[in-house]
Protein backbone atom coordinates (compact mmCIF):
# COMPACT_ATOMS: atom_id res chain seq x y z
CA MET A 1 56.22 179.01 73.59
CA GLN A 2 57.95 176.62 75.30
CA ALA A 3 58.00 173.28 74.08
CA SER A 4 56.54 170.18 77.03
CA ARG A 5 58.97 167.57 77.04
CA SER A 6 57.63 164.02 76.54
CA GLY A 7 58.51 160.58 78.88
CA ARG A 8 61.06 159.80 77.22
CA GLY A 9 63.28 162.81 77.18
CA THR A 10 62.74 163.96 73.90
CA PRO A 11 61.25 167.67 73.20
CA MET A 12 57.99 167.41 71.14
CA ASN A 13 58.38 169.60 68.33
CA PRO A 14 55.58 168.71 66.18
CA GLY A 15 57.59 170.40 63.11
CA ARG A 16 61.06 168.97 63.72
CA ILE A 17 61.87 165.44 63.39
CA THR A 18 65.28 164.26 65.74
CA PRO A 19 67.76 162.05 64.35
CA LEU A 20 66.51 159.99 67.28
CA GLN A 21 63.02 160.13 66.34
CA ARG A 22 63.01 158.44 63.01
CA GLN A 23 65.21 155.70 64.75
CA GLY A 24 61.86 154.63 66.65
CA GLY A 25 62.86 156.77 69.34
CA ARG A 26 66.31 154.69 70.99
CA HIS A 27 69.05 155.64 72.10
CA ARG A 28 71.72 154.00 69.37
CA ARG A 29 75.19 154.17 69.01
CA PRO A 30 76.58 155.77 66.35
CA PRO A 31 78.84 152.93 64.06
CA ARG A 32 82.23 152.87 64.55
CA PRO A 33 84.43 153.63 61.98
CA CYS A 34 86.11 150.57 60.07
CA VAL A 35 89.29 149.46 62.26
CA SER A 36 91.83 147.16 60.54
CA ALA A 37 93.72 144.22 62.22
CA GLU A 38 96.68 145.97 61.84
CA ASP A 39 95.52 149.07 64.19
CA LEU A 40 93.88 146.67 66.82
CA ARG A 41 97.55 145.11 67.10
CA TYR A 42 99.53 148.35 68.08
CA HIS A 43 96.60 149.93 69.51
CA ASP A 44 97.51 151.33 72.84
CA VAL A 45 97.13 149.17 75.99
CA GLY A 46 97.55 149.53 79.09
CA ARG A 47 100.14 148.30 81.30
CA GLY A 48 98.08 145.60 83.38
CA GLN A 49 97.41 144.15 79.79
CA LYS A 50 100.98 144.26 78.64
CA LYS A 51 102.09 142.66 81.61
CA MET A 52 99.04 139.98 81.65
CA ARG A 53 100.35 139.09 77.88
CA ILE A 54 104.25 138.80 78.59
CA ALA A 55 102.98 136.11 81.62
CA PHE A 56 100.93 134.27 79.52
CA SER A 57 103.42 134.48 76.49
CA CYS A 58 106.16 133.11 79.02
CA LEU A 59 104.20 130.59 80.94
CA ALA A 60 102.77 129.25 76.87
CA LEU A 61 106.67 128.51 75.97
CA LEU A 62 107.05 127.03 79.70
CA VAL A 63 105.15 124.69 78.68
CA VAL A 64 105.88 123.87 75.38
CA ALA A 65 109.63 123.68 76.44
CA THR A 66 108.70 121.17 79.26
CA ALA A 67 106.73 119.05 76.79
CA PHE A 68 109.62 117.95 74.89
CA ALA A 69 112.78 117.85 77.15
CA ALA A 70 114.09 114.53 77.15
CA PRO A 71 113.58 112.40 80.70
CA ALA A 72 116.46 112.39 82.87
CA VAL A 73 117.57 108.68 82.78
CA GLU A 74 119.50 107.47 85.97
CA PRO A 75 122.91 105.67 85.91
CA PRO A 76 123.03 101.81 86.18
CA SER A 77 123.51 101.36 90.02
CA ALA A 78 123.31 97.82 92.54
CA THR A 79 123.42 96.02 95.79
CA VAL A 80 124.83 92.63 95.99
CA VAL A 81 125.07 90.20 99.95
CA VAL A 82 126.01 87.23 100.10
CA CYS A 83 123.46 85.04 102.09
CA THR A 84 123.40 81.10 103.19
CA SER A 85 119.95 80.81 101.31
CA ILE A 86 116.80 82.52 98.87
CA GLN A 87 113.51 82.54 99.88
CA ASP A 88 110.89 84.51 98.81
CA ASN A 89 113.05 86.67 95.86
CA SER A 90 114.96 87.44 99.73
CA CYS A 91 118.16 86.44 100.74
CA VAL A 92 118.47 85.04 105.15
CA GLY A 93 120.94 84.40 106.26
CA ALA A 94 123.36 87.34 105.18
CA ALA A 95 126.24 87.98 107.22
CA THR A 96 130.32 89.31 107.12
CA LYS A 97 131.84 85.63 107.84
CA PHE A 98 130.70 82.26 107.39
CA PRO A 99 131.81 78.36 108.56
CA ALA A 100 133.97 76.43 106.26
CA GLY A 101 131.72 73.71 106.03
CA VAL A 102 128.77 75.93 105.06
CA GLY A 103 128.31 74.44 101.40
CA LYS A 104 126.53 76.89 99.42
CA LEU A 105 126.88 81.03 99.42
CA TRP A 106 124.02 82.88 97.29
CA GLY A 107 125.13 85.95 95.80
CA PHE A 108 122.24 88.28 95.49
CA SER A 109 121.85 91.68 94.26
CA GLN A 110 119.07 94.60 93.16
CA VAL A 111 120.06 96.74 89.90
CA SER A 112 117.56 99.86 89.21
CA ASN A 113 118.31 100.78 85.31
CA VAL A 114 120.68 98.21 84.08
CA PRO A 115 120.00 97.14 80.30
CA ASP A 116 119.91 93.61 79.53
CA LYS A 117 122.50 91.60 81.97
CA ILE A 118 124.95 91.80 85.06
CA VAL A 119 127.73 89.97 85.49
CA HIS A 120 128.43 88.04 89.06
CA VAL A 121 132.36 87.53 89.59
CA TRP A 122 133.14 85.39 92.51
CA PHE A 123 136.73 86.48 94.09
CA HIS A 124 138.50 84.28 96.42
CA GLY A 125 141.98 86.84 97.86
CA ASP A 126 142.75 88.01 94.32
CA LYS A 127 141.77 84.51 92.53
CA GLU A 128 138.35 84.66 90.19
CA LEU A 129 136.74 80.83 91.44
CA GLY A 130 133.46 81.91 89.11
CA ARG A 131 131.61 84.57 86.49
CA ILE A 132 128.11 84.12 86.00
CA THR A 133 126.05 86.08 83.94
CA LEU A 134 122.07 86.67 85.05
CA PRO A 135 119.47 88.54 82.73
CA VAL A 136 117.86 91.44 83.67
CA LYS A 137 114.94 91.78 82.15
CA ALA A 138 112.95 95.52 83.88
CA ALA A 139 113.68 98.01 85.22
CA HIS A 140 114.81 97.84 89.17
CA TRP A 141 115.30 93.74 89.17
CA ARG A 142 116.21 90.71 91.30
CA THR A 143 119.03 88.51 90.82
CA TRP A 144 121.42 86.01 92.25
CA SER A 145 123.67 83.07 91.76
CA ASN A 146 125.69 80.34 94.09
CA ILE A 147 128.79 79.30 94.84
CA THR A 148 129.60 75.97 96.40
CA VAL A 149 132.45 76.52 98.77
CA SER A 150 135.00 73.10 99.76
CA LYS A 151 136.37 73.23 103.11
CA ASP A 152 139.49 74.27 102.06
CA LEU A 153 138.19 77.02 101.02
CA VAL A 154 139.66 80.12 103.35
CA GLY A 155 140.08 83.44 104.00
CA PRO A 156 138.98 86.78 103.00
CA CYS A 157 136.13 86.58 99.62
CA ARG A 158 134.78 88.91 97.40
CA LEU A 159 131.67 88.87 95.07
CA GLU A 160 131.32 91.48 92.37
CA ALA A 161 128.25 92.33 90.13
CA ARG A 162 129.45 94.15 87.02
CA ASP A 163 127.32 95.66 84.17
CA ALA A 164 127.94 94.19 80.38
CA ALA A 165 130.80 96.36 79.64
CA GLY A 166 132.54 94.89 82.86
CA LYS A 167 132.37 98.07 85.05
CA VAL A 168 132.39 97.18 88.65
CA LEU A 169 128.46 98.16 89.93
CA ALA A 170 129.03 96.89 93.78
CA SER A 171 130.92 94.92 95.70
CA TYR A 172 130.46 92.56 98.85
CA SER A 173 134.09 91.49 100.64
CA PHE A 174 132.86 88.32 103.29
CA THR A 175 135.09 85.87 105.33
CA ILE A 176 134.94 82.34 104.86
CA GLN A 177 136.86 80.88 108.30
């Protein structure tokens, strides 16, 4: 006699009970054997997964390395200009030639990354006329000094902007006629 089949796909045999019927007739996967974490670590992984793991590890190292990298520090720099007046924190009347009866000349400096102060040093030829120390209160700062020009002061002149150590950051040459 041939056994008939039910709608679930299991043979109907009244005398025999299969393991699937004991579990309610549902198809269940057999339990997996216990696997240790060490076995999982060295489990054979496909080439694509290995490449992904390596790439992800390199990316993580790069992120950590850039987080601890020291920021680049720019060296101190300055510009200096000589002019006839200062208005709204800007130099007005900048030139390289001034008349002998000009009265006052202003030295205007823009500095970057200078720690605490700069020094304006005024020269007539090689003779130092004056030295003015100016405070610097920010990473990017504008400051100025002035000098009174007598009528008999004629010839080549220059203004130097120096840092606290005396290093010349900028120089501006001009002539009084």
